[in-house]
Amino acid sequence: MTATIETSERDKESASRFANPAFKWRRAFAELWGTFLLVLVGAGGAVASAQSGGELSRTAAAVGPGIMVMVAVYFIGSVSGAHLNPAVTLAFALRRNFPWTRVPGYVTAQLVGAALAAGFLRALFGPVADIGATVPSHGVTALKAVVIEGVITAGLVNVILATASGARNIGTNAGIAVGGYIALTGLWASTFTGASMNPARTLGPDLLRGDFSTTWVYLVGPLVGAVVGVAFEWILIGPPTKSGSVAAQGEDDRV
């Protein structure tokens, strides 16, 4: 009984901190900075491979974003929930773990971070490797790419929501599980679509290279996948939990 009361009190305190408007900027900056680093690693892998004549292998480039997300969970998970992805923010909102009023701010921060990362790469290396843009390849049609991105994003959302439901999104389990899933998926899906699973990851490079011919693939696929992932989570876990809200919103004791 005591443990239940203490947990309830922590949930209330966390909700109170999240509602404090004085610290919106901290969460927005966390999402911007985290997404910047994620896109820098993801798009930068393709740029580094092209710039070095293939010294950076496709395997290394595919695994890099997973490691970056794992690290981000550790250093900004307690501040903003470490969404770093509009599809993840949408999933948390649909799951009722995250307030819809905060969605525009989070998505804006993520898109700005992605654009800044792509701009940084272009400023340093020029339009090498299309600034690491994710596009369908190896004979994959746009429709197939949408399906692939949708399926792998649904899996990503399931991993994130499942670890969040037990208040583990701020701990080691979530960092390892989410990062591992992204790395594993990148090992095979990057060959066909770039394994974006993230509208911001795709839109950043597309903005800087001025080519939006396949951008829609990486908007429709991940966003539909997020909706499917949330539906699957209801089947697998049931209703949303308070712990999931804590994980989605961050639990920064300094706030």
C-alpha atoms as a PDB file:
ATOM      1  CA  MET A   1       0.000   0.000   0.000  1.00  0.00           C
ATOM      2  CA  THR A   2       2.807   2.402   0.920  1.00  0.00           C
ATOM      3  CA  ALA A   3       4.582   1.726  -2.344  1.00  0.00           C
ATOM      4  CA  THR A   4       1.370   2.424  -4.274  1.00  0.00           C
ATOM      5  CA  ILE A   5       0.865   5.743  -2.499  1.00  0.00           C
ATOM      6  CA  GLU A   6       4.465   6.762  -3.143  1.00  0.00           C
ATOM      7  CA  THR A   7       4.155   5.883  -6.833  1.00  0.00           C
ATOM      8  CA  SER A   8       0.933   7.898  -7.091  1.00  0.00           C
ATOM      9  CA  GLU A   9       2.602  10.889  -5.446  1.00  0.00           C
ATOM     10  CA  ARG A  10       5.535  10.677  -7.866  1.00  0.00           C
ATOM     11  CA  ASP A  11       3.120  10.576 -10.806  1.00  0.00           C
ATOM     12  CA  LYS A  12       1.342  13.682  -9.505  1.00  0.00           C
ATOM     13  CA  GLU A  13       4.635  15.516  -8.977  1.00  0.00           C
ATOM     14  CA  SER A  14       5.807  14.578 -12.465  1.00  0.00           C
ATOM     15  CA  ALA A  15       2.551  15.793 -14.017  1.00  0.00           C
ATOM     16  CA  SER A  16       2.863  19.055 -12.105  1.00  0.00           C
ATOM     17  CA  ARG A  17       6.407  19.596 -13.360  1.00  0.00           C
ATOM     18  CA  PHE A  18       5.423  18.814 -16.945  1.00  0.00           C
ATOM     19  CA  ALA A  19       2.568  21.333 -16.783  1.00  0.00           C
ATOM     20  CA  ASN A  20       4.927  24.083 -15.649  1.00  0.00           C
ATOM     21  CA  PRO A  21       5.090  26.466 -18.660  1.00  0.00           C
ATOM     22  CA  ALA A  22       8.373  27.938 -17.442  1.00  0.00           C
ATOM     23  CA  PHE A  23      10.212  24.835 -18.620  1.00  0.00           C
ATOM     24  CA  LYS A  24       8.692  24.295 -22.054  1.00  0.00           C
ATOM     25  CA  TRP A  25      11.872  25.678 -23.588  1.00  0.00           C
ATOM     26  CA  ARG A  26      13.965  22.978 -21.910  1.00  0.00           C
ATOM     27  CA  ARG A  27      11.891  20.177 -23.392  1.00  0.00           C
ATOM     28  CA  ALA A  28      11.796  21.856 -26.810  1.00  0.00           C
ATOM     29  CA  PHE A  29      15.564  22.273 -26.772  1.00  0.00           C
ATOM     30  CA  ALA A  30      16.024  18.641 -25.729  1.00  0.00           C
ATOM     31  CA  GLU A  31      13.951  17.483 -28.710  1.00  0.00           C
ATOM     32  CA  LEU A  32      15.729  19.859 -31.090  1.00  0.00           C
ATOM     33  CA  TRP A  33      19.217  18.881 -29.924  1.00  0.00           C
ATOM     34  CA  GLY A  34      18.449  15.171 -29.762  1.00  0.00           C
ATOM     35  CA  THR A  35      16.928  15.140 -33.257  1.00  0.00           C
ATOM     36  CA  PHE A  36      19.859  17.170 -34.576  1.00  0.00           C
ATOM     37  CA  LEU A  37      22.270  14.526 -33.308  1.00  0.00           C
ATOM     38  CA  LEU A  38      20.127  11.673 -34.603  1.00  0.00           C
ATOM     39  CA  VAL A  39      19.932  13.124 -38.124  1.00  0.00           C
ATOM     40  CA  LEU A  40      23.600  14.075 -37.984  1.00  0.00           C
ATOM     41  CA  VAL A  41      24.458  10.423 -37.354  1.00  0.00           C
ATOM     42  CA  GLY A  42      21.878   8.983 -39.740  1.00  0.00           C
ATOM     43  CA  ALA A  43      22.423  11.298 -42.698  1.00  0.00           C
ATOM     44  CA  GLY A  44      26.073  11.785 -41.798  1.00  0.00           C
ATOM     45  CA  GLY A  45      26.714   8.065 -42.201  1.00  0.00           C
ATOM     46  CA  ALA A  46      25.803   8.214 -45.889  1.00  0.00           C
ATOM     47  CA  VAL A  47      27.813  11.393 -46.365  1.00  0.00           C
ATOM     48  CA  ALA A  48      30.841   9.907 -44.605  1.00  0.00           C
ATOM     49  CA  SER A  49      30.656   6.747 -46.705  1.00  0.00           C
ATOM     50  CA  ALA A  50      30.542   8.712 -49.958  1.00  0.00           C
ATOM     51  CA  GLN A  51      33.174  11.210 -48.860  1.00  0.00           C
ATOM     52  CA  SER A  52      35.595   8.463 -47.777  1.00  0.00           C
ATOM     53  CA  GLY A  53      35.075   6.227 -50.774  1.00  0.00           C
ATOM     54  CA  GLY A  54      33.278   3.552 -48.788  1.00  0.00           C
ATOM     55  CA  GLU A  55      35.504   3.400 -45.707  1.00  0.00           C
ATOM     56  CA  LEU A  56      32.387   3.598 -43.557  1.00  0.00           C
ATOM     57  CA  SER A  57      30.438   0.422 -44.275  1.00  0.00           C
ATOM     58  CA  ARG A  58      26.692   0.282 -44.854  1.00  0.00           C
ATOM     59  CA  THR A  59      26.408  -1.880 -41.744  1.00  0.00           C
ATOM     60  CA  ALA A  60      28.072   0.759 -39.596  1.00  0.00           C
ATOM     61  CA  ALA A  61      25.923   3.489 -41.098  1.00  0.00           C
ATOM     62  CA  ALA A  62      22.786   1.444 -40.428  1.00  0.00           C
ATOM     63  CA  VAL A  63      23.664   0.701 -36.808  1.00  0.00           C
ATOM     64  CA  GLY A  64      24.728   4.264 -35.964  1.00  0.00           C
ATOM     65  CA  PRO A  65      21.215   5.769 -35.541  1.00  0.00           C
ATOM     66  CA  GLY A  66      20.243   2.972 -33.156  1.00  0.00           C
ATOM     67  CA  ILE A  67      23.220   3.694 -30.935  1.00  0.00           C
ATOM     68  CA  MET A  68      22.478   7.423 -31.077  1.00  0.00           C
ATOM     69  CA  VAL A  69      18.872   6.904 -29.963  1.00  0.00           C
ATOM     70  CA  MET A  70      20.046   4.632 -27.143  1.00  0.00           C
ATOM     71  CA  VAL A  71      22.405   7.352 -25.949  1.00  0.00           C
ATOM     72  CA  ALA A  72      19.719  10.042 -26.307  1.00  0.00           C
ATOM     73  CA  VAL A  73      17.348   8.099 -24.055  1.00  0.00           C
ATOM     74  CA  TYR A  74      19.980   8.343 -21.339  1.00  0.00           C
ATOM     75  CA  PHE A  75      20.783  12.028 -21.592  1.00  0.00           C
ATOM     76  CA  ILE A  76      17.445  13.650 -22.521  1.00  0.00           C
ATOM     77  CA  GLY A  77      14.876  10.946 -21.744  1.00  0.00           C
ATOM     78  CA  SER A  78      14.250  12.435 -18.308  1.00  0.00           C
ATOM     79  CA  VAL A  79      13.821  15.921 -19.779  1.00  0.00           C
ATOM     80  CA  SER A  80      11.482  15.457 -22.751  1.00  0.00           C
ATOM     81  CA  GLY A  81      10.866  11.723 -23.082  1.00  0.00           C
ATOM     82  CA  ALA A  82      13.357  11.580 -25.999  1.00  0.00           C
ATOM     83  CA  HIS A  83      10.762  11.304 -28.763  1.00  0.00           C
ATOM     84  CA  LEU A  84      13.064  12.641 -31.536  1.00  0.00           C
ATOM     85  CA  ASN A  85      10.460  11.635 -34.094  1.00  0.00           C
ATOM     86  CA  PRO A  86       7.058  13.109 -35.053  1.00  0.00           C
ATOM     87  CA  ALA A  87       5.684   9.581 -35.470  1.00  0.00           C
ATOM     88  CA  VAL A  88       6.641   8.757 -31.868  1.00  0.00           C
ATOM     89  CA  THR A  89       5.085  11.982 -30.576  1.00  0.00           C
ATOM     90  CA  LEU A  90       1.907  11.157 -32.507  1.00  0.00           C
ATOM     91  CA  ALA A  91       1.903   7.643 -31.053  1.00  0.00           C
ATOM     92  CA  PHE A  92       2.252   8.888 -27.482  1.00  0.00           C
ATOM     93  CA  ALA A  93      -0.589  11.374 -28.053  1.00  0.00           C
ATOM     94  CA  LEU A  94      -2.851   8.732 -29.599  1.00  0.00           C
ATOM     95  CA  ARG A  95      -1.994   6.444 -26.709  1.00  0.00           C
ATOM     96  CA  ARG A  96      -3.134   9.238 -24.352  1.00  0.00           C
ATOM     97  CA  ASN A  97       0.261   9.362 -22.675  1.00  0.00           C
ATOM     98  CA  PHE A  98       1.026  12.815 -24.057  1.00  0.00           C
ATOM     99  CA  PRO A  99      -1.141  15.974 -24.309  1.00  0.00           C
ATOM    100  CA  TRP A 100      -2.171  16.981 -27.842  1.00  0.00           C
ATOM    101  CA  THR A 101      -1.482  20.619 -26.984  1.00  0.00           C
ATOM    102  CA  ARG A 102       2.235  19.836 -26.737  1.00  0.00           C
ATOM    103  CA  VAL A 103       2.424  17.939 -30.045  1.00  0.00           C
ATOM    104  CA  PRO A 104       2.960  20.993 -32.333  1.00  0.00           C
ATOM    105  CA  GLY A 105       5.827  22.266 -30.185  1.00  0.00           C
ATOM    106  CA  TYR A 106       7.574  18.893 -30.088  1.00  0.00           C
ATOM    107  CA  VAL A 107       7.159  18.288 -33.831  1.00  0.00           C
ATOM    108  CA  THR A 108       8.398  21.789 -34.657  1.00  0.00           C
ATOM    109  CA  ALA A 109      11.498  21.283 -32.510  1.00  0.00           C
ATOM    110  CA  GLN A 110      12.176  17.922 -34.161  1.00  0.00           C
ATOM    111  CA  LEU A 111      11.839  19.335 -37.690  1.00  0.00           C
ATOM    112  CA  VAL A 112      14.066  22.300 -36.891  1.00  0.00           C
ATOM    113  CA  GLY A 113      16.698  20.002 -35.397  1.00  0.00           C
ATOM    114  CA  ALA A 114      16.621  17.780 -38.477  1.00  0.00           C
ATOM    115  CA  ALA A 115      16.923  20.742 -40.858  1.00  0.00           C
ATOM    116  CA  LEU A 116      19.823  22.183 -38.875  1.00  0.00           C
ATOM    117  CA  ALA A 117      21.661  18.847 -38.990  1.00  0.00           C
ATOM    118  CA  ALA A 118      21.193  18.597 -42.760  1.00  0.00           C
ATOM    119  CA  GLY A 119      22.300  22.213 -43.136  1.00  0.00           C
ATOM    120  CA  PHE A 120      25.378  21.507 -41.053  1.00  0.00           C
ATOM    121  CA  LEU A 121      26.344  18.571 -43.280  1.00  0.00           C
ATOM    122  CA  ARG A 122      25.746  20.548 -46.470  1.00  0.00           C
ATOM    123  CA  ALA A 123      27.784  23.489 -45.190  1.00  0.00           C
ATOM    124  CA  LEU A 124      30.732  21.198 -44.442  1.00  0.00           C
ATOM    125  CA  PHE A 125      30.632  18.777 -47.379  1.00  0.00           C
ATOM    126  CA  GLY A 126      28.245  20.170 -49.960  1.00  0.00           C
ATOM    127  CA  PRO A 127      25.495  18.040 -51.571  1.00  0.00           C
ATOM    128  CA  VAL A 128      27.450  14.797 -51.109  1.00  0.00           C
ATOM    129  CA  ALA A 129      25.245  11.671 -51.227  1.00  0.00           C
ATOM    130  CA  ASP A 130      22.178  13.932 -51.397  1.00  0.00           C
ATOM    131  CA  ILE A 131      22.969  14.920 -47.796  1.00  0.00           C
ATOM    132  CA  GLY A 132      22.082  11.420 -46.634  1.00  0.00           C
ATOM    133  CA  ALA A 133      18.521  11.540 -47.978  1.00  0.00           C
ATOM    134  CA  THR A 134      16.369   8.448 -47.533  1.00  0.00           C
ATOM    135  CA  VAL A 135      14.865   7.305 -50.844  1.00  0.00           C
ATOM    136  CA  PRO A 136      13.475   3.997 -52.132  1.00  0.00           C
ATOM    137  CA  SER A 137      16.176   1.981 -53.895  1.00  0.00           C
ATOM    138  CA  HIS A 138      17.033  -1.428 -55.377  1.00  0.00           C
ATOM    139  CA  GLY A 139      13.858  -1.567 -57.443  1.00  0.00           C
ATOM    140  CA  VAL A 140      11.538  -0.773 -54.528  1.00  0.00           C
ATOM    141  CA  THR A 141       8.462   1.116 -55.706  1.00  0.00           C
ATOM    142  CA  ALA A 142       6.981   3.994 -53.743  1.00  0.00           C
ATOM    143  CA  LEU A 143       4.085   1.814 -52.623  1.00  0.00           C
ATOM    144  CA  LYS A 144       6.402  -0.936 -51.392  1.00  0.00           C
ATOM    145  CA  ALA A 145       8.469   1.683 -49.587  1.00  0.00           C
ATOM    146  CA  VAL A 146       5.355   3.006 -47.826  1.00  0.00           C
ATOM    147  CA  VAL A 147       4.493  -0.517 -46.680  1.00  0.00           C
ATOM    148  CA  ILE A 148       8.031  -1.209 -45.454  1.00  0.00           C
ATOM    149  CA  GLU A 149       8.257   2.086 -43.574  1.00  0.00           C
ATOM    150  CA  GLY A 150       4.804   1.544 -42.106  1.00  0.00           C
ATOM    151  CA  VAL A 151       5.570  -1.944 -40.849  1.00  0.00           C
ATOM    152  CA  ILE A 152       8.947  -1.130 -39.321  1.00  0.00           C
ATOM    153  CA  THR A 153       7.563   2.036 -37.709  1.00  0.00           C
ATOM    154  CA  ALA A 154       4.700   0.047 -36.183  1.00  0.00           C
ATOM    155  CA  GLY A 155       7.306  -2.264 -34.643  1.00  0.00           C
ATOM    156  CA  LEU A 156       9.298   0.709 -33.367  1.00  0.00           C
ATOM    157  CA  VAL A 157       6.216   2.242 -31.766  1.00  0.00           C
ATOM    158  CA  ASN A 158       5.397  -1.073 -30.067  1.00  0.00           C
ATOM    159  CA  VAL A 159       8.884  -1.286 -28.587  1.00  0.00           C
ATOM    160  CA  ILE A 160       8.742   2.310 -27.351  1.00  0.00           C
ATOM    161  CA  LEU A 161       5.241   2.100 -25.900  1.00  0.00           C
ATOM    162  CA  ALA A 162       5.874  -1.270 -24.282  1.00  0.00           C
ATOM    163  CA  THR A 163       8.997  -0.100 -22.481  1.00  0.00           C
ATOM    164  CA  ALA A 164       7.265   3.164 -21.536  1.00  0.00           C
ATOM    165  CA  SER A 165       4.231   1.399 -20.063  1.00  0.00           C
ATOM    166  CA  GLY A 166       6.326   0.184 -17.155  1.00  0.00           C
ATOM    167  CA  ALA A 167       8.161   3.481 -16.623  1.00  0.00           C
ATOM    168  CA  ARG A 168      11.262   2.041 -18.244  1.00  0.00           C
ATOM    169  CA  ASN A 169      11.642   4.581 -21.050  1.00  0.00           C
ATOM    170  CA  ILE A 170      13.965   6.576 -18.820  1.00  0.00           C
ATOM    171  CA  GLY A 171      16.021   3.541 -17.836  1.00  0.00           C
ATOM    172  CA  THR A 172      18.400   1.060 -19.357  1.00  0.00           C
ATOM    173  CA  ASN A 173      15.746  -1.280 -20.712  1.00  0.00           C
ATOM    174  CA  ALA A 174      14.248   1.315 -23.044  1.00  0.00           C
ATOM    175  CA  GLY A 175      17.570   2.634 -24.273  1.00  0.00           C
ATOM    176  CA  ILE A 176      18.819  -0.822 -25.159  1.00  0.00           C
ATOM    177  CA  ALA A 177      15.501  -2.090 -26.558  1.00  0.00           C
ATOM    178  CA  VAL A 178      14.695   0.940 -28.719  1.00  0.00           C
ATOM    179  CA  GLY A 179      18.267   1.449 -29.915  1.00  0.00           C
ATOM    180  CA  GLY A 180      18.624  -2.261 -30.632  1.00  0.00           C
ATOM    181  CA  TYR A 181      15.416  -2.329 -32.650  1.00  0.00           C
ATOM    182  CA  ILE A 182      16.477   0.649 -34.768  1.00  0.00           C
ATOM    183  CA  ALA A 183      19.905  -0.874 -35.413  1.00  0.00           C
ATOM    184  CA  LEU A 184      18.483  -4.289 -36.253  1.00  0.00           C
ATOM    185  CA  THR A 185      15.869  -2.851 -38.589  1.00  0.00           C
ATOM    186  CA  GLY A 186      18.461  -0.656 -40.253  1.00  0.00           C
ATOM    187  CA  LEU A 187      20.575  -3.690 -41.106  1.00  0.00           C
ATOM    188  CA  TRP A 188      17.975  -4.941 -43.579  1.00  0.00           C
ATOM    189  CA  ALA A 189      15.480  -2.165 -44.308  1.00  0.00           C
ATOM    190  CA  SER A 190      18.098   0.504 -45.033  1.00  0.00           C
ATOM    191  CA  THR A 191      18.885  -1.392 -48.227  1.00  0.00           C
ATOM    192  CA  PHE A 192      15.367  -0.729 -49.523  1.00  0.00           C
ATOM    193  CA  THR A 193      14.129   2.519 -47.970  1.00  0.00           C
ATOM    194  CA  GLY A 194      16.899   3.879 -45.771  1.00  0.00           C
ATOM    195  CA  ALA A 195      14.940   2.679 -42.702  1.00  0.00           C
ATOM    196  CA  SER A 196      13.886   6.197 -41.796  1.00  0.00           C
ATOM    197  CA  MET A 197      10.833   5.473 -39.580  1.00  0.00           C
ATOM    198  CA  ASN A 198      10.979   9.201 -38.908  1.00  0.00           C
ATOM    199  CA  PRO A 199       9.440  12.037 -40.974  1.00  0.00           C
ATOM    200  CA  ALA A 200      11.929  14.522 -39.524  1.00  0.00           C
ATOM    201  CA  ARG A 201      14.899  12.316 -40.474  1.00  0.00           C
ATOM    202  CA  THR A 202      13.734  12.377 -44.103  1.00  0.00           C
ATOM    203  CA  LEU A 203      12.408  15.913 -44.324  1.00  0.00           C
ATOM    204  CA  GLY A 204      15.626  17.542 -43.058  1.00  0.00           C
ATOM    205  CA  PRO A 205      17.842  16.401 -45.960  1.00  0.00           C
ATOM    206  CA  ASP A 206      14.980  16.813 -48.453  1.00  0.00           C
ATOM    207  CA  LEU A 207      14.611  20.470 -47.474  1.00  0.00           C
ATOM    208  CA  LEU A 208      18.301  21.165 -48.026  1.00  0.00           C
ATOM    209  CA  ARG A 209      18.531  19.303 -51.332  1.00  0.00           C
ATOM    210  CA  GLY A 210      15.245  20.744 -52.567  1.00  0.00           C
ATOM    211  CA  ASP A 211      13.806  17.425 -53.716  1.00  0.00           C
ATOM    212  CA  PHE A 212      10.431  16.367 -52.310  1.00  0.00           C
ATOM    213  CA  SER A 213       9.522  13.762 -54.909  1.00  0.00           C
ATOM    214  CA  THR A 214       9.596  10.884 -52.394  1.00  0.00           C
ATOM    215  CA  THR A 215       9.096  12.806 -49.148  1.00  0.00           C
ATOM    216  CA  TRP A 216       5.462  11.738 -48.988  1.00  0.00           C
ATOM    217  CA  VAL A 217       6.558   8.101 -48.698  1.00  0.00           C
ATOM    218  CA  TYR A 218       8.299   8.884 -45.419  1.00  0.00           C
ATOM    219  CA  LEU A 219       5.385  10.906 -44.111  1.00  0.00           C
ATOM    220  CA  VAL A 220       2.612   8.447 -44.931  1.00  0.00           C
ATOM    221  CA  GLY A 221       4.502   5.261 -44.036  1.00  0.00           C
ATOM    222  CA  PRO A 222       5.722   6.225 -40.529  1.00  0.00           C
ATOM    223  CA  LEU A 223       2.553   8.099 -39.550  1.00  0.00           C
ATOM    224  CA  VAL A 224       0.276   5.223 -40.591  1.00  0.00           C
ATOM    225  CA  GLY A 225       2.705   2.835 -38.889  1.00  0.00           C
ATOM    226  CA  ALA A 226       2.428   4.880 -35.685  1.00  0.00           C
ATOM    227  CA  VAL A 227      -1.358   4.538 -35.720  1.00  0.00           C
ATOM    228  CA  VAL A 228      -1.114   0.785 -36.318  1.00  0.00           C
ATOM    229  CA  GLY A 229       1.486   0.447 -33.578  1.00  0.00           C
ATOM    230  CA  VAL A 230      -0.800   2.179 -31.079  1.00  0.00           C
ATOM    231  CA  ALA A 231      -3.681  -0.124 -32.058  1.00  0.00           C
ATOM    232  CA  PHE A 232      -1.443  -3.162 -31.552  1.00  0.00           C
ATOM    233  CA  GLU A 233      -0.403  -1.799 -28.162  1.00  0.00           C
ATOM    234  CA  TRP A 234      -4.028  -1.775 -27.024  1.00  0.00           C
ATOM    235  CA  ILE A 235      -4.252  -5.417 -28.042  1.00  0.00           C
ATOM    236  CA  LEU A 236      -0.980  -6.392 -26.357  1.00  0.00           C
ATOM    237  CA  ILE A 237      -0.983  -4.232 -23.216  1.00  0.00           C
ATOM    238  CA  GLY A 238      -4.456  -2.755 -22.813  1.00  0.00           C
ATOM    239  CA  PRO A 239      -5.263   0.798 -21.642  1.00  0.00           C
ATOM    240  CA  PRO A 240      -2.498   3.393 -21.190  1.00  0.00           C
ATOM    241  CA  THR A 241      -0.713   3.603 -17.858  1.00  0.00           C
ATOM    242  CA  LYS A 242       0.356   6.511 -15.683  1.00  0.00           C
ATOM    243  CA  SER A 243       3.909   5.240 -15.919  1.00  0.00           C
ATOM    244  CA  GLY A 244       3.661   5.520 -19.693  1.00  0.00           C
ATOM    245  CA  SER A 245       2.722   9.175 -19.339  1.00  0.00           C
ATOM    246  CA  VAL A 246       5.713   9.802 -17.108  1.00  0.00           C
ATOM    247  CA  ALA A 247       7.994   8.213 -19.685  1.00  0.00           C
ATOM    248  CA  ALA A 248       6.430  10.130 -22.581  1.00  0.00           C
ATOM    249  CA  GLN A 249       6.577  13.492 -20.830  1.00  0.00           C
ATOM    250  CA  GLY A 250       9.914  13.204 -19.073  1.00  0.00           C
ATOM    251  CA  GLU A 251      10.612  13.183 -15.363  1.00  0.00           C
ATOM    252  CA  ASP A 252      13.258  15.787 -14.733  1.00  0.00           C
ATOM    253  CA  ASP A 253      13.720  16.296 -10.997  1.00  0.00           C
ATOM    254  CA  ARG A 254      15.403  19.624 -11.711  1.00  0.00           C
ATOM    255  CA  VAL A 255      12.150  21.074 -13.105  1.00  0.00           C
END
